[in-house]
């Protein structure tokens, strides 16, 4: 019985990591500190939110998708060029390719990916600059409105959820107005 339960839990954990993301939207129309994550399973939604919402502290975030949770924080409080995600045994780092250019990032976890805005300073469309791992793109539902995003997730199953969250996170944080 215990063996069956262990296999079931292990299978469920692999299922949640292979989940395809389909979109992200602000929870409320007047704030960018709380987001709803959507997947290809209509029963499975998640959230991304500021850890300290009342302080409006944009340096620490949390996410949840099903049973998977994690934290996102700046590696150093005064340096927005480097972030880190921690989720169970996974650590994913996000660094700008060039200092203070927040439109092109190197994401490193079990794989290394380059994530960038498609048209330089235009933050309405982002894509993965690496076709070896599949394709991952984000674009605004309405141009100029950073509150609703479509995610086109066609990544290999080897790309874990924290890496996908890293890409989504970088887009919403660097495309959103901060009040």
Protein backbone atom coordinates (compact mmCIF):
# COMPACT_ATOMS: atom_id res chain seq x y z
CA UNK A 1 0.00 0.00 0.00
CA UNK A 2 2.78 2.46 0.92
CA UNK A 3 4.62 1.64 -2.29
CA UNK A 4 1.50 2.36 -4.37
CA UNK A 5 0.98 5.69 -2.56
CA UNK A 6 4.64 6.65 -3.15
CA UNK A 7 4.35 5.86 -6.89
CA UNK A 8 1.09 7.83 -7.12
CA UNK A 9 2.61 10.87 -5.42
CA UNK A 10 5.74 10.65 -7.55
CA UNK A 11 3.66 10.41 -10.75
CA UNK A 12 1.50 13.38 -9.65
CA UNK A 13 4.61 15.46 -8.99
CA UNK A 14 5.94 14.71 -12.49
CA UNK A 15 2.55 15.61 -13.96
CA UNK A 16 2.57 19.04 -12.30
CA UNK A 17 6.09 19.76 -13.56
CA UNK A 18 5.11 18.92 -17.15
CA UNK A 19 2.12 21.26 -17.00
CA UNK A 20 1.73 23.62 -19.96
CA UNK A 21 1.13 27.26 -19.06
CA UNK A 22 -1.43 29.09 -21.21
CA UNK A 23 -1.78 32.54 -19.65
CA UNK A 24 -1.43 34.92 -16.75
CA UNK A 25 -3.68 37.82 -15.73
CA UNK A 26 -3.76 40.31 -12.91
CA UNK A 27 -6.13 39.32 -10.14
CA UNK A 28 -7.42 42.89 -9.88
CA UNK A 29 -7.57 45.59 -12.54
CA UNK A 30 -5.89 48.25 -10.41
CA UNK A 31 -2.81 46.39 -9.11
CA UNK A 32 0.06 44.35 -10.55
CA UNK A 33 1.10 42.60 -7.33
CA UNK A 34 -1.28 39.62 -7.62
CA UNK A 35 -1.62 37.37 -10.68
CA UNK A 36 -3.59 34.27 -11.71
CA UNK A 37 -1.73 31.56 -13.66
CA UNK A 38 -3.61 29.41 -16.18
CA UNK A 39 -2.71 26.01 -17.62
CA UNK A 40 -3.99 23.66 -20.31
CA UNK A 41 -5.96 21.92 -17.52
CA UNK A 42 -9.00 24.11 -16.71
CA UNK A 43 -9.13 22.53 -13.24
CA UNK A 44 -5.58 23.66 -12.42
CA UNK A 45 -4.89 27.34 -11.80
CA UNK A 46 -2.17 28.99 -9.81
CA UNK A 47 -1.05 32.33 -8.52
CA UNK A 48 1.95 34.62 -8.45
CA UNK A 49 1.99 37.41 -5.90
CA UNK A 50 4.15 39.82 -3.95
CA UNK A 51 5.31 38.22 -0.73
CA UNK A 52 4.79 41.46 1.21
CA UNK A 53 1.78 42.91 -0.60
CA UNK A 54 1.02 45.56 2.02
CA UNK A 55 4.57 46.94 1.81
CA UNK A 56 4.49 47.00 -2.02
CA UNK A 57 7.91 45.29 -1.92
CA UNK A 58 8.68 44.12 -5.48
CA UNK A 59 11.86 42.29 -4.45
CA UNK A 60 10.18 39.14 -3.07
CA UNK A 61 7.43 37.04 -4.67
CA UNK A 62 5.73 33.68 -4.15
CA UNK A 63 3.99 31.34 -6.58
CA UNK A 64 1.78 28.28 -6.41
CA UNK A 65 0.55 25.97 -9.14
CA UNK A 66 -1.27 22.92 -7.84
CA UNK A 67 0.95 21.43 -5.15
CA UNK A 68 4.09 23.17 -6.41
CA UNK A 69 5.12 26.31 -4.53
CA UNK A 70 8.17 28.50 -4.65
CA UNK A 71 9.72 31.83 -3.79
CA UNK A 72 11.27 34.39 -6.09
CA UNK A 73 13.59 37.07 -4.80
CA UNK A 74 16.30 39.40 -5.88
CA UNK A 75 19.67 37.88 -5.18
CA UNK A 76 20.72 41.26 -3.72
CA UNK A 77 18.13 43.85 -2.63
CA UNK A 78 19.85 46.74 -4.47
CA UNK A 79 20.52 44.89 -7.74
CA UNK A 80 17.54 44.22 -10.07
CA UNK A 81 19.84 42.42 -12.56
CA UNK A 82 19.77 39.07 -10.74
CA UNK A 83 16.87 37.03 -9.33
CA UNK A 84 16.53 33.53 -7.90
CA UNK A 85 13.66 31.04 -7.71
CA UNK A 86 13.61 28.32 -5.07
CA UNK A 87 11.08 25.51 -5.27
CA UNK A 88 11.62 22.27 -3.33
CA UNK A 89 15.02 21.07 -4.60
CA UNK A 90 15.12 23.36 -7.67
CA UNK A 91 17.05 26.62 -7.86
CA UNK A 92 16.75 28.77 -10.99
CA UNK A 93 18.74 31.98 -11.46
CA UNK A 94 17.83 34.83 -13.78
CA UNK A 95 20.49 37.36 -14.84
CA UNK A 96 20.41 40.14 -17.37
CA UNK A 97 22.74 39.51 -20.30
CA UNK A 98 23.86 43.13 -20.11
CA UNK A 99 23.74 45.27 -16.97
CA UNK A 100 20.46 47.16 -16.59
CA UNK A 101 19.04 45.85 -19.90
CA UNK A 102 15.85 44.21 -18.62
CA UNK A 103 14.79 42.97 -22.06
CA UNK A 104 17.24 40.07 -22.35
CA UNK A 105 17.90 37.46 -19.65
CA UNK A 106 19.95 34.30 -19.10
CA UNK A 107 17.93 31.76 -17.12
CA UNK A 108 19.92 28.95 -15.54
CA UNK A 109 18.58 25.90 -13.76
CA UNK A 110 18.94 22.37 -15.05
CA UNK A 111 19.23 24.00 -18.50
CA UNK A 112 20.40 27.43 -19.65
CA UNK A 113 18.02 29.51 -21.74
CA UNK A 114 18.03 33.03 -23.18
CA UNK A 115 14.72 34.88 -22.74
CA UNK A 116 14.14 38.24 -24.41
CA UNK A 117 11.60 40.73 -25.67
CA UNK A 118 11.07 40.25 -29.37
CA UNK A 119 11.47 43.91 -30.38
CA UNK A 120 13.99 45.47 -28.02
CA UNK A 121 12.26 48.03 -25.83
CA UNK A 122 8.74 46.88 -26.76
CA UNK A 123 7.54 44.69 -23.86
CA UNK A 124 4.37 43.36 -25.57
CA UNK A 125 5.98 40.15 -26.88
CA UNK A 126 8.66 37.88 -25.42
CA UNK A 127 10.27 34.71 -26.77
CA UNK A 128 12.81 32.04 -26.05
CA UNK A 129 15.99 32.50 -28.06
CA UNK A 130 16.78 28.77 -28.11
CA UNK A 131 15.01 26.30 -30.35
CA UNK A 132 16.78 23.22 -28.91
CA UNK A 133 14.39 23.16 -25.95
CA UNK A 134 11.20 23.88 -27.86
CA UNK A 135 9.34 27.14 -28.00
CA UNK A 136 7.93 29.45 -25.33
CA UNK A 137 6.39 32.86 -26.09
CA UNK A 138 4.35 35.44 -24.26
CA UNK A 139 2.31 38.23 -25.78
CA UNK A 140 -0.19 40.70 -24.40
CA UNK A 141 -3.85 39.98 -25.08
CA UNK A 142 -4.26 43.69 -25.92
CA UNK A 143 -1.23 45.64 -27.06
CA UNK A 144 -0.10 48.11 -24.43
CA UNK A 145 -2.05 46.37 -21.62
CA UNK A 146 0.40 44.43 -19.40
CA UNK A 147 -2.40 42.97 -17.25
CA UNK A 148 -3.28 39.99 -19.48
CA UNK A 149 -0.84 37.66 -21.25
CA UNK A 150 -1.14 34.67 -23.55
CA UNK A 151 1.51 32.01 -23.00
CA UNK A 152 2.42 29.70 -25.86
CA UNK A 153 4.22 26.86 -24.09
CA UNK A 154 5.66 24.22 -26.39
CA UNK A 155 8.75 23.41 -24.34
CA UNK A 156 10.30 19.99 -23.92
CA UNK A 157 9.18 18.13 -20.82
CA UNK A 158 12.77 18.45 -19.56
CA UNK A 159 12.12 22.14 -18.85
CA UNK A 160 10.76 22.25 -15.30
CA UNK A 161 8.00 24.44 -13.90
CA UNK A 162 10.32 26.82 -11.97
CA UNK A 163 12.09 27.64 -15.26
CA UNK A 164 8.75 28.41 -16.93
CA UNK A 165 7.73 30.50 -13.91
CA UNK A 166 11.04 32.40 -14.26
CA UNK A 167 10.15 33.45 -17.80
CA UNK A 168 6.59 34.44 -16.87
CA UNK A 169 7.81 36.30 -13.80
CA UNK A 170 10.40 38.35 -15.69
CA UNK A 171 7.77 39.46 -18.20
CA UNK A 172 5.15 40.57 -15.67
CA UNK A 173 7.65 42.30 -13.38
CA UNK A 174 9.42 44.20 -16.15
CA UNK A 175 6.29 45.05 -18.12
CA UNK A 176 4.09 46.20 -15.23
CA UNK A 177 3.81 49.70 -13.86
CA UNK A 178 4.87 49.82 -10.22
CA UNK A 179 2.75 52.10 -8.07
